């Protein structure tokens, strides 16, 4: 209801009007920014923020990849298994870039690397000749409480799912409390490609083994942070190459 002519609006009415104006401005002008922030907050909780996104085989380091990728989606179309997805348009600088969620659909390790062959730029390194030389990430057992093998049960699902069986993941004997023998899934970093088939196959609802990009693994980003609300442990070893040089 408008004020009678010649009567100044009250200060409360002025403030109410200003609040409405500001609120409408935020919706009209800043909605996309707010949505982007909410999206990244959600991605971060899921362990899928830009610094821990799994990229296709042959992807350059994250900053270089984001700069070289032209967001054409050809790699996604080239993947015969539907592994790759494009980030939505409100995902900030990473919008339109390909990634995959290993828990849902891992990389099937195609020998001809069709996603790389489809890339029109060097965002996916054409120098990668063998899928077994890919370094999409590295597997880590990040949640001791969920690993059935570490709880003394007979489970080797991650070992059996690994396409480089007996090389990227081995089951090694350790002795726990009261001499109890347990088989510890051990990742060998020199052979792990980061395909995510181990994470996909992990039996518990919350996967005990997780694949993250190398940079994120080295920084220990998931240790103590994933899954949310649970103690973080790297229960199974990530074994570096025998002759450690500090380099990959």
Protein backbone atom coordinates (compact mmCIF):
# COMPACT_ATOMS: atom_id res chain seq x y z
CA UNK A 1 0.00 0.00 0.00
CA UNK A 2 1.43 3.41 -1.01
CA UNK A 3 1.88 6.30 1.38
CA UNK A 4 -0.69 9.17 1.20
CA UNK A 5 0.48 12.07 -0.97
CA UNK A 6 2.58 14.56 0.92
CA UNK A 7 3.41 12.14 3.71
CA UNK A 8 7.00 10.91 3.95
CA UNK A 9 7.38 7.15 4.26
CA UNK A 10 8.45 5.89 7.66
CA UNK A 11 12.07 4.82 8.22
CA UNK A 12 10.85 1.24 8.67
CA UNK A 13 9.13 1.33 5.31
CA UNK A 14 12.28 2.71 3.67
CA UNK A 15 14.42 -0.05 5.20
CA UNK A 16 11.90 -2.69 4.14
CA UNK A 17 11.99 -1.37 0.60
CA UNK A 18 15.76 -1.37 0.54
CA UNK A 19 15.85 -4.96 1.74
CA UNK A 20 13.44 -6.00 -1.00
CA UNK A 21 15.54 -4.16 -3.59
CA UNK A 22 18.77 -5.76 -2.42
CA UNK A 23 17.18 -9.18 -2.29
CA UNK A 24 15.86 -8.85 -5.83
CA UNK A 25 19.27 -7.61 -7.00
CA UNK A 26 20.98 -10.65 -5.54
CA UNK A 27 18.55 -12.97 -7.27
CA UNK A 28 18.81 -11.14 -10.59
CA UNK A 29 22.52 -10.35 -10.66
CA UNK A 30 24.26 -12.79 -8.35
CA UNK A 31 22.21 -15.94 -8.57
CA UNK A 32 24.69 -17.74 -10.77
CA UNK A 33 27.53 -16.90 -8.41
CA UNK A 34 25.60 -18.20 -5.42
CA UNK A 35 24.73 -21.39 -7.27
CA UNK A 36 28.39 -21.89 -8.23
CA UNK A 37 29.47 -21.49 -4.64
CA UNK A 38 26.86 -23.98 -3.46
CA UNK A 39 27.88 -26.42 -6.17
CA UNK A 40 31.52 -26.30 -5.20
CA UNK A 41 30.62 -26.64 -1.54
CA UNK A 42 28.71 -29.80 -2.44
CA UNK A 43 31.51 -31.08 -4.64
CA UNK A 44 33.99 -30.47 -1.86
CA UNK A 45 31.92 -32.52 0.60
CA UNK A 46 31.80 -35.33 -1.92
CA UNK A 47 35.54 -35.22 -2.46
CA UNK A 48 35.09 -33.91 -5.99
CA UNK A 49 36.27 -30.31 -5.72
CA UNK A 50 38.43 -29.20 -8.69
CA UNK A 51 41.69 -30.12 -6.98
CA UNK A 52 40.58 -33.74 -6.53
CA UNK A 53 38.73 -34.34 -9.80
CA UNK A 54 39.70 -37.47 -11.68
CA UNK A 55 40.53 -36.59 -15.28
CA UNK A 56 40.72 -38.79 -18.39
CA UNK A 57 43.91 -40.75 -19.12
CA UNK A 58 46.71 -38.56 -20.40
CA UNK A 59 45.33 -35.38 -18.82
CA UNK A 60 47.90 -32.67 -18.18
CA UNK A 61 48.42 -31.33 -14.64
CA UNK A 62 45.21 -29.63 -13.48
CA UNK A 63 46.05 -26.00 -14.25
CA UNK A 64 47.50 -26.87 -17.66
CA UNK A 65 44.59 -29.18 -18.41
CA UNK A 66 42.00 -26.52 -17.60
CA UNK A 67 43.82 -24.07 -19.88
CA UNK A 68 44.24 -26.49 -22.79
CA UNK A 69 40.79 -28.13 -22.69
CA UNK A 70 38.39 -26.45 -25.13
CA UNK A 71 35.28 -28.04 -23.53
CA UNK A 72 34.26 -29.70 -26.78
CA UNK A 73 33.05 -32.92 -25.18
CA UNK A 74 34.62 -35.11 -27.86
CA UNK A 75 36.43 -37.22 -25.26
CA UNK A 76 33.11 -37.88 -23.54
CA UNK A 77 31.55 -38.99 -26.81
CA UNK A 78 34.61 -41.10 -27.60
CA UNK A 79 34.36 -43.11 -24.36
CA UNK A 80 32.46 -46.34 -25.13
CA UNK A 81 31.57 -47.00 -21.48
CA UNK A 82 30.00 -43.70 -20.47
CA UNK A 83 32.74 -43.16 -17.92
CA UNK A 84 33.44 -39.51 -18.66
CA UNK A 85 31.06 -36.69 -17.80
CA UNK A 86 31.28 -32.93 -18.32
CA UNK A 87 31.08 -30.67 -15.31
CA UNK A 88 27.99 -28.45 -15.40
CA UNK A 89 28.08 -24.91 -16.69
CA UNK A 90 27.88 -23.40 -13.22
CA UNK A 91 31.04 -25.12 -11.96
CA UNK A 92 33.27 -22.07 -12.29
CA UNK A 93 36.51 -22.31 -14.22
CA UNK A 94 36.16 -26.09 -14.43
CA UNK A 95 32.81 -25.85 -16.23
CA UNK A 96 32.53 -28.10 -19.26
CA UNK A 97 35.69 -30.09 -18.51
CA UNK A 98 35.60 -33.91 -18.42
CA UNK A 99 35.98 -35.96 -15.27
CA UNK A 100 34.83 -39.29 -13.91
CA UNK A 101 33.50 -40.67 -10.65
CA UNK A 102 35.32 -43.94 -10.06
CA UNK A 103 32.77 -45.18 -7.54
CA UNK A 104 30.01 -44.93 -10.17
CA UNK A 105 31.78 -45.73 -13.45
CA UNK A 106 35.54 -46.37 -13.43
CA UNK A 107 37.89 -46.15 -16.40
CA UNK A 108 37.79 -49.44 -18.30
CA UNK A 109 41.41 -49.08 -19.46
CA UNK A 110 40.76 -49.27 -23.22
CA UNK A 111 43.96 -50.29 -24.98
CA UNK A 112 43.36 -47.81 -27.82
CA UNK A 113 42.54 -44.94 -25.40
CA UNK A 114 39.62 -43.59 -27.52
CA UNK A 115 39.03 -40.54 -25.33
CA UNK A 116 42.61 -39.39 -25.90
CA UNK A 117 42.36 -40.09 -29.64
CA UNK A 118 39.25 -37.89 -29.79
CA UNK A 119 40.88 -34.90 -28.06
CA UNK A 120 41.60 -32.13 -30.61
CA UNK A 121 44.12 -30.40 -28.35
CA UNK A 122 47.00 -31.51 -26.16
CA UNK A 123 44.84 -31.38 -23.02
CA UNK A 124 45.10 -35.18 -23.19
CA UNK A 125 48.73 -35.87 -23.93
CA UNK A 126 49.11 -37.60 -27.33
CA UNK A 127 52.44 -38.90 -26.06
CA UNK A 128 50.63 -41.45 -23.88
CA UNK A 129 51.01 -44.65 -25.90
CA UNK A 130 49.91 -47.26 -23.36
CA UNK A 131 46.93 -47.10 -21.04
CA UNK A 132 48.99 -48.92 -18.42
CA UNK A 133 51.28 -45.88 -18.31
CA UNK A 134 48.36 -43.58 -17.48
CA UNK A 135 48.53 -41.67 -14.20
CA UNK A 136 44.94 -40.60 -13.63
CA UNK A 137 45.47 -40.89 -9.91
CA UNK A 138 46.43 -43.30 -7.18
CA UNK A 139 44.36 -45.54 -4.94
CA UNK A 140 44.51 -45.13 -1.18
CA UNK A 141 42.75 -47.04 1.56
CA UNK A 142 41.41 -44.04 3.39
CA UNK A 143 38.97 -45.58 5.82
CA UNK A 144 40.17 -48.42 8.03
CA UNK A 145 36.80 -48.94 9.64
CA UNK A 146 35.17 -49.83 6.31
CA UNK A 147 37.85 -52.16 4.93
CA UNK A 148 36.54 -55.69 5.41
CA UNK A 149 39.97 -57.25 4.95
CA UNK A 150 41.46 -55.09 7.68
CA UNK A 151 38.62 -56.16 9.95
CA UNK A 152 39.76 -59.77 9.55
CA UNK A 153 37.21 -60.85 6.93
CA UNK A 154 38.12 -62.58 3.71
CA UNK A 155 37.78 -59.79 1.14
CA UNK A 156 40.04 -59.09 -1.81
CA UNK A 157 37.53 -57.31 -4.06
CA UNK A 158 39.90 -54.43 -4.80
CA UNK A 159 42.73 -56.83 -5.66
CA UNK A 160 40.55 -58.90 -7.99
CA UNK A 161 39.10 -55.83 -9.72
CA UNK A 162 42.52 -54.35 -10.50
CA UNK A 163 43.32 -54.73 -14.22
CA UNK A 164 47.05 -54.90 -13.44
CA UNK A 165 46.52 -57.75 -11.02
CA UNK A 166 49.31 -58.51 -8.61
CA UNK A 167 51.25 -55.41 -9.63
CA UNK A 168 49.23 -52.30 -8.75
CA UNK A 169 47.52 -53.87 -5.71
CA UNK A 170 48.79 -56.80 -3.68
CA UNK A 171 47.37 -58.44 -0.56
CA UNK A 172 50.14 -58.62 2.01
CA UNK A 173 50.08 -60.47 5.32
CA UNK A 174 50.27 -58.45 8.52
CA UNK A 175 49.68 -59.47 12.11
CA UNK A 176 47.36 -57.51 14.31
CA UNK A 177 46.19 -57.84 17.89
CA UNK A 178 46.84 -61.22 19.54
CA UNK A 179 48.74 -62.40 16.50
CA UNK A 180 45.67 -62.23 14.28
CA UNK A 181 46.63 -62.51 10.63
CA UNK A 182 45.11 -59.96 8.25
CA UNK A 183 45.59 -59.37 4.56
CA UNK A 184 46.38 -55.74 3.87
CA UNK A 185 45.55 -54.27 0.45
CA UNK A 186 48.74 -52.51 -0.58
CA UNK A 187 48.91 -50.08 -3.49
CA UNK A 188 52.12 -49.92 -5.51
CA UNK A 189 52.31 -46.36 -6.74
CA UNK A 190 54.64 -47.10 -9.65
CA UNK A 191 51.99 -49.36 -11.23
CA UNK A 192 48.67 -47.83 -10.16
CA UNK A 193 47.00 -46.03 -13.08
CA UNK A 194 44.15 -44.51 -11.07
CA UNK A 195 41.48 -46.25 -13.14
CA UNK A 196 39.23 -46.57 -10.08
CA UNK A 197 38.12 -50.15 -10.64
CA UNK A 198 39.17 -51.00 -7.09
CA UNK A 199 37.04 -48.19 -5.66
CA UNK A 200 34.10 -49.25 -7.82
CA UNK A 201 34.37 -52.86 -6.60
CA UNK A 202 34.83 -52.07 -2.90
CA UNK A 203 32.06 -53.91 -1.04
CA UNK A 204 30.97 -51.55 1.80
CA UNK A 205 28.46 -48.78 1.10
CA UNK A 206 31.20 -46.29 1.91
CA UNK A 207 34.20 -47.35 -0.15
CA UNK A 208 37.27 -48.00 1.95
CA UNK A 209 39.60 -47.47 -0.99
CA UNK A 210 39.52 -44.22 -2.91
CA UNK A 211 41.29 -42.97 -6.03
CA UNK A 212 42.54 -39.39 -6.08
CA UNK A 213 44.82 -37.46 -8.45
CA UNK A 214 48.50 -37.75 -7.65
CA UNK A 215 48.82 -34.15 -6.49
CA UNK A 216 45.94 -34.57 -4.05
CA UNK A 217 47.32 -37.87 -2.76
CA UNK A 218 50.76 -36.36 -2.17
CA UNK A 219 49.19 -33.44 -0.31
CA UNK A 220 47.22 -35.86 1.86
CA UNK A 221 44.01 -33.97 1.16
CA UNK A 222 41.72 -36.88 2.02
CA UNK A 223 43.52 -38.01 5.13
CA UNK A 224 41.36 -37.12 8.09
CA UNK A 225 38.80 -35.42 5.84
CA UNK A 226 36.94 -38.24 4.08
CA UNK A 227 34.37 -39.61 4.57
CA UNK A 228 32.84 -36.70 6.49
CA UNK A 229 32.35 -37.39 10.15
CA UNK A 230 34.54 -40.50 10.23
CA UNK A 231 38.10 -40.91 11.50
CA UNK A 232 40.56 -40.67 8.66
CA UNK A 233 43.22 -43.32 8.37
CA UNK A 234 45.47 -44.47 5.61
CA UNK A 235 45.15 -48.04 6.75
CA UNK A 236 46.88 -49.79 3.89
CA UNK A 237 50.24 -48.74 2.65
CA UNK A 238 50.82 -46.83 -0.52
CA UNK A 239 54.14 -48.31 -1.51
CA UNK A 240 56.45 -45.98 -3.49
CA UNK A 241 58.81 -47.30 -6.16
CA UNK A 242 61.66 -49.34 -4.72
CA UNK A 243 64.22 -46.69 -5.62
CA UNK A 244 62.53 -43.61 -4.21
CA UNK A 245 63.75 -40.46 -5.88
CA UNK A 246 61.08 -38.01 -4.75
CA UNK A 247 59.77 -37.94 -8.31
CA UNK A 248 56.98 -39.92 -9.97
